[in-house]
Each structure stands twice: as C-alpha cells, then as structure tokens.
C-alpha cells in the first residue's frame, strides 16, 4: 500500500499496512516518515519473513537491521541461530 493509502486507512479508523518487503531501507524510512506526517493513528509495516536457507548470510544482516527496532521497543536482540521448525520441513 502506498503511504497515502496507509495514512488514509488509519485516519478512517482502520489499520493501514505498509507493504515493505521490496523497499530499500531508505525507501522504508521515507515511507514511514510520510505516513507519520499524514496521521497520528497507528499503522503497521509488513515485511516478508521466509525460512532461512542453508548458507544464507543475509540472516545476520537482517537480524542486525531488525535489532535497531527491537532496541527502540526494549526487546532483546534477535538470534543468529535460526532453524526451520520441523513442522515446516516434514511437509
């Protein structure tokens, strides 16, 4: 959803959701700032989270990036030891 639509939905009493999985960090920051400038209401940011692949070094980068948000919210840092739940691998 575009920032204008996210803020309009939030202003109308719904929960506007920004689709962020294909945005660069700069684009994400700009979109969030634009939404915040148009509404004081809550809104969500949706990031696609996929199971890690063997040898995927992006887990470290993603966790460090997400740790910035966790720190701001007072949450513990993410783990780098991520495994796919057996319920997903047995299908």
C-alpha atoms as a PDB file:
ATOM      1  CA  UNK A   1       0.000   0.000   0.000  1.00  0.00           C
ATOM      2  CA  UNK A   2       1.262   3.487  -0.820  1.00  0.00           C
ATOM      3  CA  UNK A   3       1.934   5.817   2.130  1.00  0.00           C
ATOM      4  CA  UNK A   4      -1.059   7.970   1.169  1.00  0.00           C
ATOM      5  CA  UNK A   5      -3.417   4.986   1.305  1.00  0.00           C
ATOM      6  CA  UNK A   6      -1.896   3.669   4.547  1.00  0.00           C
ATOM      7  CA  UNK A   7      -2.446   7.014   6.261  1.00  0.00           C
ATOM      8  CA  UNK A   8      -5.960   7.382   4.788  1.00  0.00           C
ATOM      9  CA  UNK A   9      -6.980   3.960   6.107  1.00  0.00           C
ATOM     10  CA  UNK A  10      -5.539   4.786   9.541  1.00  0.00           C
ATOM     11  CA  UNK A  11      -7.282   8.161   9.568  1.00  0.00           C
ATOM     12  CA  UNK A  12     -10.575   6.438   8.711  1.00  0.00           C
ATOM     13  CA  UNK A  13     -10.255   4.184  11.771  1.00  0.00           C
ATOM     14  CA  UNK A  14      -8.724   1.110  10.137  1.00  0.00           C
ATOM     15  CA  UNK A  15      -5.210  -0.232  10.409  1.00  0.00           C
ATOM     16  CA  UNK A  16      -3.255   0.846   7.347  1.00  0.00           C
ATOM     17  CA  UNK A  17      -0.441  -1.544   6.470  1.00  0.00           C
ATOM     18  CA  UNK A  18       2.679  -0.573   4.522  1.00  0.00           C
ATOM     19  CA  UNK A  19       3.976  -3.403   2.323  1.00  0.00           C
ATOM     20  CA  UNK A  20       7.720  -3.146   2.951  1.00  0.00           C
ATOM     21  CA  UNK A  21       9.290  -6.380   1.726  1.00  0.00           C
ATOM     22  CA  UNK A  22      10.575  -4.881  -1.535  1.00  0.00           C
ATOM     23  CA  UNK A  23      11.599  -1.488  -0.161  1.00  0.00           C
ATOM     24  CA  UNK A  24      15.191  -0.484   0.459  1.00  0.00           C
ATOM     25  CA  UNK A  25      15.967   0.789   3.966  1.00  0.00           C
ATOM     26  CA  UNK A  26      15.956   4.360   2.610  1.00  0.00           C
ATOM     27  CA  UNK A  27      12.591   3.875   0.880  1.00  0.00           C
ATOM     28  CA  UNK A  28      11.164   2.292   4.037  1.00  0.00           C
ATOM     29  CA  UNK A  29      12.295   5.214   6.192  1.00  0.00           C
ATOM     30  CA  UNK A  30      10.877   7.745   3.706  1.00  0.00           C
ATOM     31  CA  UNK A  31       7.540   5.913   3.507  1.00  0.00           C
ATOM     32  CA  UNK A  32       7.215   5.699   7.305  1.00  0.00           C
ATOM     33  CA  UNK A  33       8.050   9.386   7.705  1.00  0.00           C
ATOM     34  CA  UNK A  34       5.477  10.272   5.034  1.00  0.00           C
ATOM     35  CA  UNK A  35       2.802   8.183   6.783  1.00  0.00           C
ATOM     36  CA  UNK A  36       3.645   9.761  10.148  1.00  0.00           C
ATOM     37  CA  UNK A  37       3.301  13.216   8.606  1.00  0.00           C
ATOM     38  CA  UNK A  38      -0.246  12.383   7.458  1.00  0.00           C
ATOM     39  CA  UNK A  39      -1.632  10.549  10.507  1.00  0.00           C
ATOM     40  CA  UNK A  40      -1.216  10.343  14.261  1.00  0.00           C
ATOM     41  CA  UNK A  41      -3.033   7.000  14.297  1.00  0.00           C
ATOM     42  CA  UNK A  42      -1.469   3.555  14.409  1.00  0.00           C
ATOM     43  CA  UNK A  43      -0.341   1.768  11.262  1.00  0.00           C
ATOM     44  CA  UNK A  44       1.566  -1.407  10.504  1.00  0.00           C
ATOM     45  CA  UNK A  45       4.601  -2.350   8.446  1.00  0.00           C
ATOM     46  CA  UNK A  46       4.541  -5.765   6.772  1.00  0.00           C
ATOM     47  CA  UNK A  47       7.863  -7.434   5.999  1.00  0.00           C
ATOM     48  CA  UNK A  48       8.044 -10.815   4.315  1.00  0.00           C
ATOM     49  CA  UNK A  49       9.823 -13.301   6.564  1.00  0.00           C
ATOM     50  CA  UNK A  50      10.844 -16.510   4.853  1.00  0.00           C
ATOM     51  CA  UNK A  51      12.551 -19.561   6.348  1.00  0.00           C
ATOM     52  CA  UNK A  52      16.342 -19.261   6.141  1.00  0.00           C
ATOM     53  CA  UNK A  53      18.208 -21.226   3.510  1.00  0.00           C
ATOM     54  CA  UNK A  54      21.393 -23.153   4.264  1.00  0.00           C
ATOM     55  CA  UNK A  55      24.393 -20.924   3.840  1.00  0.00           C
ATOM     56  CA  UNK A  56      22.298 -17.768   3.667  1.00  0.00           C
ATOM     57  CA  UNK A  57      24.412 -14.958   5.108  1.00  0.00           C
ATOM     58  CA  UNK A  58      21.500 -12.499   4.933  1.00  0.00           C
ATOM     59  CA  UNK A  59      20.214 -13.738   8.311  1.00  0.00           C
ATOM     60  CA  UNK A  60      22.982 -11.819  10.073  1.00  0.00           C
ATOM     61  CA  UNK A  61      22.278  -8.617   8.152  1.00  0.00           C
ATOM     62  CA  UNK A  62      18.526  -8.936   8.674  1.00  0.00           C
ATOM     63  CA  UNK A  63      18.856  -9.582  12.414  1.00  0.00           C
ATOM     64  CA  UNK A  64      21.197  -6.616  12.894  1.00  0.00           C
ATOM     65  CA  UNK A  65      18.783  -4.397  10.955  1.00  0.00           C
ATOM     66  CA  UNK A  66      15.795  -5.616  12.990  1.00  0.00           C
ATOM     67  CA  UNK A  67      17.761  -5.161  16.238  1.00  0.00           C
ATOM     68  CA  UNK A  68      17.507  -1.389  15.733  1.00  0.00           C
ATOM     69  CA  UNK A  69      13.731  -1.692  16.048  1.00  0.00           C
ATOM     70  CA  UNK A  70      13.992  -4.196  18.902  1.00  0.00           C
ATOM     71  CA  UNK A  71      16.270  -1.823  20.852  1.00  0.00           C
ATOM     72  CA  UNK A  72      13.814   1.040  20.351  1.00  0.00           C
ATOM     73  CA  UNK A  73      10.987  -1.157  21.660  1.00  0.00           C
ATOM     74  CA  UNK A  74      13.012  -2.540  24.570  1.00  0.00           C
ATOM     75  CA  UNK A  75      13.070  -6.060  23.121  1.00  0.00           C
ATOM     76  CA  UNK A  76      16.028  -8.469  23.227  1.00  0.00           C
ATOM     77  CA  UNK A  77      18.312  -8.807  20.220  1.00  0.00           C
ATOM     78  CA  UNK A  78      17.491 -11.451  17.614  1.00  0.00           C
ATOM     79  CA  UNK A  79      19.336 -14.716  17.397  1.00  0.00           C
ATOM     80  CA  UNK A  80      21.630 -15.726  14.566  1.00  0.00           C
ATOM     81  CA  UNK A  81      20.986 -19.412  15.218  1.00  0.00           C
ATOM     82  CA  UNK A  82      17.778 -19.801  13.224  1.00  0.00           C
ATOM     83  CA  UNK A  83      16.430 -23.174  12.235  1.00  0.00           C
ATOM     84  CA  UNK A  84      13.382 -24.215  10.275  1.00  0.00           C
ATOM     85  CA  UNK A  85      10.697 -25.716  12.545  1.00  0.00           C
ATOM     86  CA  UNK A  86      10.205 -29.441  11.997  1.00  0.00           C
ATOM     87  CA  UNK A  87       6.545 -28.810  11.239  1.00  0.00           C
ATOM     88  CA  UNK A  88       7.652 -26.979   8.078  1.00  0.00           C
ATOM     89  CA  UNK A  89      10.310 -29.452   6.989  1.00  0.00           C
ATOM     90  CA  UNK A  90       8.126 -32.572   7.265  1.00  0.00           C
ATOM     91  CA  UNK A  91       5.624 -31.471   4.621  1.00  0.00           C
END
